[in-house]
Amino acid sequence: MATQIEHARRLFTVEEYGWMVEAGILHKDDRVELIDGEIIEMAPIGHRHTACVSNVAELLVTTVGSRARVWTQGAVRLSHRAKPQPDVALLRRRSYVSEEPGAEDVLLLVEVAESSLAYDRGVKLRLCARAGVPEVWIIDVGEGLVEVHRAPEADAYREVQRLPRGAVVAPALFPDAILRVDDIFA
């Protein structure tokens, strides 16, 4: 009878992840993020993905203005072992030069999903809910719609809306900052 050997996984903290960058083990341009202690390679970015990220960022800057900071493709510390790199985040208005944004700073997190839809709807969404991120938008490039997730509870969101082309969407904290879904995919 063969003996089954269990392998332990080494989970990393946000601090250890940062040290790996400082030591040159990871590079700032590596497409990785820290999720629940594991270093995960991010999906490649396609042209439509990049265009949607640019559109959402511009629309949020235009509609929200100086009431919040629009953070594009920068890391956000959500826990001791999680530092994802969302496509766009709407952050509380303050300086982030000397201190990185944390979960308490995130007002809205946006993931543009072209090849990463299942991962964003699963792993990333649960991570955001556990961290108390009040609102997450998943932009489904393939279907041309925006999924709006609000009211985090444990590791899920109680409110979910799927908004197709022709609809409008606004961050819950800035209901006057109305974006046309069509403009996200323009």
C-alpha atoms as a PDB file:
ATOM      1  CA  MET A   1       0.000   0.000   0.000  1.00  0.00           C
ATOM      2  CA  ALA A   2       1.458   3.360  -1.043  1.00  0.00           C
ATOM      3  CA  THR A   3       1.767   6.068   1.564  1.00  0.00           C
ATOM      4  CA  GLN A   4       0.188   9.354   0.629  1.00  0.00           C
ATOM      5  CA  ILE A   5       2.383  12.348   1.377  1.00  0.00           C
ATOM      6  CA  GLU A   6       0.705  15.643   2.083  1.00  0.00           C
ATOM      7  CA  HIS A   7       2.498  18.742   0.924  1.00  0.00           C
ATOM      8  CA  ALA A   8       2.218  21.918   2.910  1.00  0.00           C
ATOM      9  CA  ARG A   9       1.905  25.160   1.008  1.00  0.00           C
ATOM     10  CA  ARG A  10       3.881  28.172   2.164  1.00  0.00           C
ATOM     11  CA  LEU A  11       1.581  31.175   2.406  1.00  0.00           C
ATOM     12  CA  PHE A  12       3.018  34.669   2.310  1.00  0.00           C
ATOM     13  CA  THR A  13       2.106  37.884   4.083  1.00  0.00           C
ATOM     14  CA  VAL A  14       1.822  41.263   2.402  1.00  0.00           C
ATOM     15  CA  GLU A  15       5.131  42.248   4.037  1.00  0.00           C
ATOM     16  CA  GLU A  16       6.930  39.158   2.690  1.00  0.00           C
ATOM     17  CA  TYR A  17       5.455  39.828  -0.742  1.00  0.00           C
ATOM     18  CA  GLY A  18       6.871  43.367  -0.579  1.00  0.00           C
ATOM     19  CA  TRP A  19      10.289  42.038   0.457  1.00  0.00           C
ATOM     20  CA  MET A  20      10.287  39.756  -2.608  1.00  0.00           C
ATOM     21  CA  VAL A  21       9.882  42.822  -4.805  1.00  0.00           C
ATOM     22  CA  GLU A  22      12.629  44.694  -2.930  1.00  0.00           C
ATOM     23  CA  ALA A  23      14.980  41.699  -3.228  1.00  0.00           C
ATOM     24  CA  GLY A  24      14.350  41.374  -6.970  1.00  0.00           C
ATOM     25  CA  ILE A  25      12.640  37.986  -6.723  1.00  0.00           C
ATOM     26  CA  LEU A  26       9.499  39.617  -8.069  1.00  0.00           C
ATOM     27  CA  HIS A  27       9.619  42.645 -10.315  1.00  0.00           C
ATOM     28  CA  LYS A  28       7.220  45.581 -10.311  1.00  0.00           C
ATOM     29  CA  ASP A  29       6.175  44.738 -13.873  1.00  0.00           C
ATOM     30  CA  ASP A  30       5.428  41.064 -13.097  1.00  0.00           C
ATOM     31  CA  ARG A  31       1.725  40.345 -13.602  1.00  0.00           C
ATOM     32  CA  VAL A  32       1.154  38.809 -10.165  1.00  0.00           C
ATOM     33  CA  GLU A  33      -0.905  39.561  -7.084  1.00  0.00           C
ATOM     34  CA  LEU A  34      -1.135  38.168  -3.557  1.00  0.00           C
ATOM     35  CA  ILE A  35      -4.427  36.351  -2.940  1.00  0.00           C
ATOM     36  CA  ASP A  36      -5.019  34.564   0.382  1.00  0.00           C
ATOM     37  CA  GLY A  37      -1.264  34.205   0.886  1.00  0.00           C
ATOM     38  CA  GLU A  38      -0.538  32.772  -2.572  1.00  0.00           C
ATOM     39  CA  ILE A  39       1.246  34.567  -5.365  1.00  0.00           C
ATOM     40  CA  ILE A  40      -1.077  34.266  -8.346  1.00  0.00           C
ATOM     41  CA  GLU A  41      -0.168  35.055 -11.928  1.00  0.00           C
ATOM     42  CA  MET A  42      -2.733  37.380 -13.423  1.00  0.00           C
ATOM     43  CA  ALA A  43      -4.446  36.716 -16.754  1.00  0.00           C
ATOM     44  CA  PRO A  44      -2.960  38.406 -19.812  1.00  0.00           C
ATOM     45  CA  ILE A  45      -4.492  41.737 -20.751  1.00  0.00           C
ATOM     46  CA  GLY A  46      -6.125  41.978 -24.155  1.00  0.00           C
ATOM     47  CA  HIS A  47      -6.935  45.071 -26.191  1.00  0.00           C
ATOM     48  CA  ARG A  48     -10.662  45.124 -25.257  1.00  0.00           C
ATOM     49  CA  HIS A  49      -9.729  44.764 -21.569  1.00  0.00           C
ATOM     50  CA  THR A  50      -7.351  47.719 -21.755  1.00  0.00           C
ATOM     51  CA  ALA A  51      -9.926  49.848 -23.564  1.00  0.00           C
ATOM     52  CA  CYS A  52     -12.613  49.121 -20.938  1.00  0.00           C
ATOM     53  CA  VAL A  53     -10.214  49.909 -18.075  1.00  0.00           C
ATOM     54  CA  SER A  54      -9.345  53.221 -19.722  1.00  0.00           C
ATOM     55  CA  ASN A  55     -13.012  54.035 -20.342  1.00  0.00           C
ATOM     56  CA  VAL A  56     -14.126  53.242 -16.782  1.00  0.00           C
ATOM     57  CA  ALA A  57     -11.266  55.232 -15.271  1.00  0.00           C
ATOM     58  CA  GLU A  58     -12.013  58.255 -17.446  1.00  0.00           C
ATOM     59  CA  LEU A  59     -15.763  58.045 -16.764  1.00  0.00           C
ATOM     60  CA  LEU A  60     -15.215  57.833 -13.001  1.00  0.00           C
ATOM     61  CA  VAL A  61     -12.768  60.752 -13.012  1.00  0.00           C
ATOM     62  CA  THR A  62     -15.266  62.805 -15.000  1.00  0.00           C
ATOM     63  CA  THR A  63     -18.350  61.933 -12.930  1.00  0.00           C
ATOM     64  CA  VAL A  64     -16.925  61.614  -9.414  1.00  0.00           C
ATOM     65  CA  GLY A  65     -14.415  64.432  -9.787  1.00  0.00           C
ATOM     66  CA  SER A  66     -12.427  65.376  -6.709  1.00  0.00           C
ATOM     67  CA  ARG A  67     -14.737  63.582  -4.259  1.00  0.00           C
ATOM     68  CA  ALA A  68     -12.664  60.389  -4.480  1.00  0.00           C
ATOM     69  CA  ARG A  69      -9.384  59.162  -5.954  1.00  0.00           C
ATOM     70  CA  VAL A  70      -9.465  56.955  -9.058  1.00  0.00           C
ATOM     71  CA  TRP A  71      -6.751  54.289  -8.697  1.00  0.00           C
ATOM     72  CA  THR A  72      -5.915  52.375 -11.876  1.00  0.00           C
ATOM     73  CA  GLN A  73      -4.232  48.982 -11.861  1.00  0.00           C
ATOM     74  CA  GLY A  74      -2.552  49.588  -8.513  1.00  0.00           C
ATOM     75  CA  ALA A  75      -2.419  47.171  -5.606  1.00  0.00           C
ATOM     76  CA  VAL A  76      -4.758  47.480  -2.627  1.00  0.00           C
ATOM     77  CA  ARG A  77      -4.072  45.775   0.705  1.00  0.00           C
ATOM     78  CA  LEU A  78      -7.275  43.949   1.673  1.00  0.00           C
ATOM     79  CA  SER A  79      -5.861  41.820   4.497  1.00  0.00           C
ATOM     80  CA  HIS A  80      -2.675  40.472   6.070  1.00  0.00           C
ATOM     81  CA  ARG A  81      -2.384  37.966   3.195  1.00  0.00           C
ATOM     82  CA  ALA A  82      -4.146  39.687   0.316  1.00  0.00           C
ATOM     83  CA  LYS A  83      -2.940  42.447  -1.970  1.00  0.00           C
ATOM     84  CA  PRO A  84      -4.851  42.198  -5.230  1.00  0.00           C
ATOM     85  CA  GLN A  85      -4.320  44.539  -8.133  1.00  0.00           C
ATOM     86  CA  PRO A  86      -7.785  45.588  -9.303  1.00  0.00           C
ATOM     87  CA  ASP A  87      -8.221  47.199 -12.687  1.00  0.00           C
ATOM     88  CA  VAL A  88      -9.775  50.320 -11.170  1.00  0.00           C
ATOM     89  CA  ALA A  89     -10.569  51.309  -7.605  1.00  0.00           C
ATOM     90  CA  LEU A  90     -12.384  54.332  -6.301  1.00  0.00           C
ATOM     91  CA  LEU A  91     -10.631  55.301  -3.077  1.00  0.00           C
ATOM     92  CA  ARG A  92     -11.300  57.585  -0.167  1.00  0.00           C
ATOM     93  CA  ARG A  93      -9.762  60.991  -0.848  1.00  0.00           C
ATOM     94  CA  ARG A  94      -6.330  61.164   0.800  1.00  0.00           C
ATOM     95  CA  SER A  95      -2.657  60.903  -0.156  1.00  0.00           C
ATOM     96  CA  TYR A  96      -1.320  57.417  -0.917  1.00  0.00           C
ATOM     97  CA  VAL A  97       2.301  58.440  -1.412  1.00  0.00           C
ATOM     98  CA  SER A  98       3.582  57.230   1.978  1.00  0.00           C
ATOM     99  CA  GLU A  99       0.944  54.606   2.781  1.00  0.00           C
ATOM    100  CA  GLU A 100      -0.732  52.166   0.412  1.00  0.00           C
ATOM    101  CA  PRO A 101      -4.513  51.942   0.220  1.00  0.00           C
ATOM    102  CA  GLY A 102      -6.193  49.437   2.498  1.00  0.00           C
ATOM    103  CA  ALA A 103      -9.637  47.865   2.590  1.00  0.00           C
ATOM    104  CA  GLU A 104     -10.977  50.796   4.617  1.00  0.00           C
ATOM    105  CA  ASP A 105     -10.042  53.165   1.768  1.00  0.00           C
ATOM    106  CA  VAL A 106     -11.895  51.293  -0.990  1.00  0.00           C
ATOM    107  CA  LEU A 107     -15.262  52.758  -1.959  1.00  0.00           C
ATOM    108  CA  LEU A 108     -15.628  50.771  -5.197  1.00  0.00           C
ATOM    109  CA  LEU A 109     -13.470  48.101  -6.795  1.00  0.00           C
ATOM    110  CA  VAL A 110     -13.755  47.353 -10.537  1.00  0.00           C
ATOM    111  CA  GLU A 111     -12.527  44.224 -12.301  1.00  0.00           C
ATOM    112  CA  VAL A 112     -12.645  44.058 -16.092  1.00  0.00           C
ATOM    113  CA  ALA A 113     -13.023  40.401 -17.039  1.00  0.00           C
ATOM    114  CA  GLU A 114     -12.233  39.137 -20.483  1.00  0.00           C
ATOM    115  CA  SER A 115     -10.461  35.831 -19.769  1.00  0.00           C
ATOM    116  CA  SER A 116     -10.704  35.948 -15.956  1.00  0.00           C
ATOM    117  CA  LEU A 117     -14.486  36.044 -15.438  1.00  0.00           C
ATOM    118  CA  ALA A 118     -14.807  32.869 -13.329  1.00  0.00           C
ATOM    119  CA  TYR A 119     -11.834  33.868 -11.154  1.00  0.00           C
ATOM    120  CA  ASP A 120     -13.151  37.406 -10.647  1.00  0.00           C
ATOM    121  CA  ARG A 121     -16.670  36.172  -9.814  1.00  0.00           C
ATOM    122  CA  GLY A 122     -15.299  33.548  -7.432  1.00  0.00           C
ATOM    123  CA  VAL A 123     -11.979  34.068  -5.675  1.00  0.00           C
ATOM    124  CA  LYS A 124     -11.733  37.848  -6.082  1.00  0.00           C
ATOM    125  CA  LEU A 125     -15.364  38.563  -5.188  1.00  0.00           C
ATOM    126  CA  ARG A 126     -15.180  36.437  -2.011  1.00  0.00           C
ATOM    127  CA  LEU A 127     -11.940  38.176  -1.031  1.00  0.00           C
ATOM    128  CA  CYS A 128     -13.531  41.605  -1.460  1.00  0.00           C
ATOM    129  CA  ALA A 129     -16.646  40.638   0.506  1.00  0.00           C
ATOM    130  CA  ARG A 130     -14.540  39.264   3.390  1.00  0.00           C
ATOM    131  CA  ALA A 131     -12.561  42.520   3.444  1.00  0.00           C
ATOM    132  CA  GLY A 132     -15.773  44.561   3.591  1.00  0.00           C
ATOM    133  CA  VAL A 133     -15.367  46.299   0.220  1.00  0.00           C
ATOM    134  CA  PRO A 134     -18.785  47.969  -0.073  1.00  0.00           C
ATOM    135  CA  GLU A 135     -19.173  47.629  -3.824  1.00  0.00           C
ATOM    136  CA  VAL A 136     -17.570  45.643  -6.656  1.00  0.00           C
ATOM    137  CA  TRP A 137     -18.255  45.955 -10.363  1.00  0.00           C
ATOM    138  CA  ILE A 138     -17.284  43.108 -12.662  1.00  0.00           C
ATOM    139  CA  ILE A 139     -17.269  44.253 -16.247  1.00  0.00           C
ATOM    140  CA  ASP A 140     -17.968  41.234 -18.447  1.00  0.00           C
ATOM    141  CA  VAL A 141     -16.298  42.130 -21.733  1.00  0.00           C
ATOM    142  CA  GLY A 142     -17.666  39.076 -23.546  1.00  0.00           C
ATOM    143  CA  GLU A 143     -21.317  39.705 -22.648  1.00  0.00           C
ATOM    144  CA  GLY A 144     -21.098  43.497 -22.688  1.00  0.00           C
ATOM    145  CA  LEU A 145     -22.564  43.975 -19.227  1.00  0.00           C
ATOM    146  CA  VAL A 146     -21.671  45.259 -15.779  1.00  0.00           C
ATOM    147  CA  GLU A 147     -22.343  43.141 -12.700  1.00  0.00           C
ATOM    148  CA  VAL A 148     -22.832  45.294  -9.617  1.00  0.00           C
ATOM    149  CA  HIS A 149     -22.234  43.618  -6.254  1.00  0.00           C
ATOM    150  CA  ARG A 150     -23.220  45.494  -3.083  1.00  0.00           C
ATOM    151  CA  ALA A 151     -23.821  44.836   0.615  1.00  0.00           C
ATOM    152  CA  PRO A 152     -20.987  42.469   1.599  1.00  0.00           C
ATOM    153  CA  GLU A 153     -21.819  39.787   4.138  1.00  0.00           C
ATOM    154  CA  ALA A 154     -19.276  37.119   5.152  1.00  0.00           C
ATOM    155  CA  ASP A 155     -17.769  36.047   1.820  1.00  0.00           C
ATOM    156  CA  ALA A 156     -20.558  37.097  -0.556  1.00  0.00           C
ATOM    157  CA  TYR A 157     -22.637  40.091  -1.605  1.00  0.00           C
ATOM    158  CA  ARG A 158     -26.354  40.244  -0.806  1.00  0.00           C
ATOM    159  CA  GLU A 159     -27.257  42.516  -3.719  1.00  0.00           C
ATOM    160  CA  VAL A 160     -26.320  41.677  -7.302  1.00  0.00           C
ATOM    161  CA  GLN A 161     -27.457  43.430 -10.476  1.00  0.00           C
ATOM    162  CA  ARG A 162     -26.556  42.613 -14.083  1.00  0.00           C
ATOM    163  CA  LEU A 163     -26.719  45.739 -16.202  1.00  0.00           C
ATOM    164  CA  PRO A 164     -26.609  45.287 -20.004  1.00  0.00           C
ATOM    165  CA  ARG A 165     -25.855  47.813 -22.699  1.00  0.00           C
ATOM    166  CA  GLY A 166     -28.478  50.550 -22.660  1.00  0.00           C
ATOM    167  CA  ALA A 167     -28.524  50.655 -18.848  1.00  0.00           C
ATOM    168  CA  VAL A 168     -26.820  53.127 -16.526  1.00  0.00           C
ATOM    169  CA  VAL A 169     -24.766  52.507 -13.388  1.00  0.00           C
ATOM    170  CA  ALA A 170     -23.492  54.727 -10.576  1.00  0.00           C
ATOM    171  CA  PRO A 171     -21.391  54.022  -7.485  1.00  0.00           C
ATOM    172  CA  ALA A 172     -23.684  53.660  -4.466  1.00  0.00           C
ATOM    173  CA  LEU A 173     -21.756  56.362  -2.589  1.00  0.00           C
ATOM    174  CA  PHE A 174     -22.022  58.765  -5.547  1.00  0.00           C
ATOM    175  CA  PRO A 175     -25.474  58.176  -7.039  1.00  0.00           C
ATOM    176  CA  ASP A 176     -25.180  61.308  -9.172  1.00  0.00           C
ATOM    177  CA  ALA A 177     -22.041  59.912 -10.898  1.00  0.00           C
ATOM    178  CA  ILE A 178     -24.019  58.150 -13.601  1.00  0.00           C
ATOM    179  CA  LEU A 179     -22.165  56.108 -16.228  1.00  0.00           C
ATOM    180  CA  ARG A 180     -23.804  54.689 -19.324  1.00  0.00           C
ATOM    181  CA  VAL A 181     -22.892  51.008 -19.732  1.00  0.00           C
ATOM    182  CA  ASP A 182     -22.557  51.669 -23.474  1.00  0.00           C
ATOM    183  CA  ASP A 183     -19.776  54.192 -22.742  1.00  0.00           C
ATOM    184  CA  ILE A 184     -17.778  51.568 -20.847  1.00  0.00           C
ATOM    185  CA  PHE A 185     -17.652  49.461 -24.026  1.00  0.00           C
ATOM    186  CA  ALA A 186     -17.261  52.393 -26.473  1.00  0.00           C
END
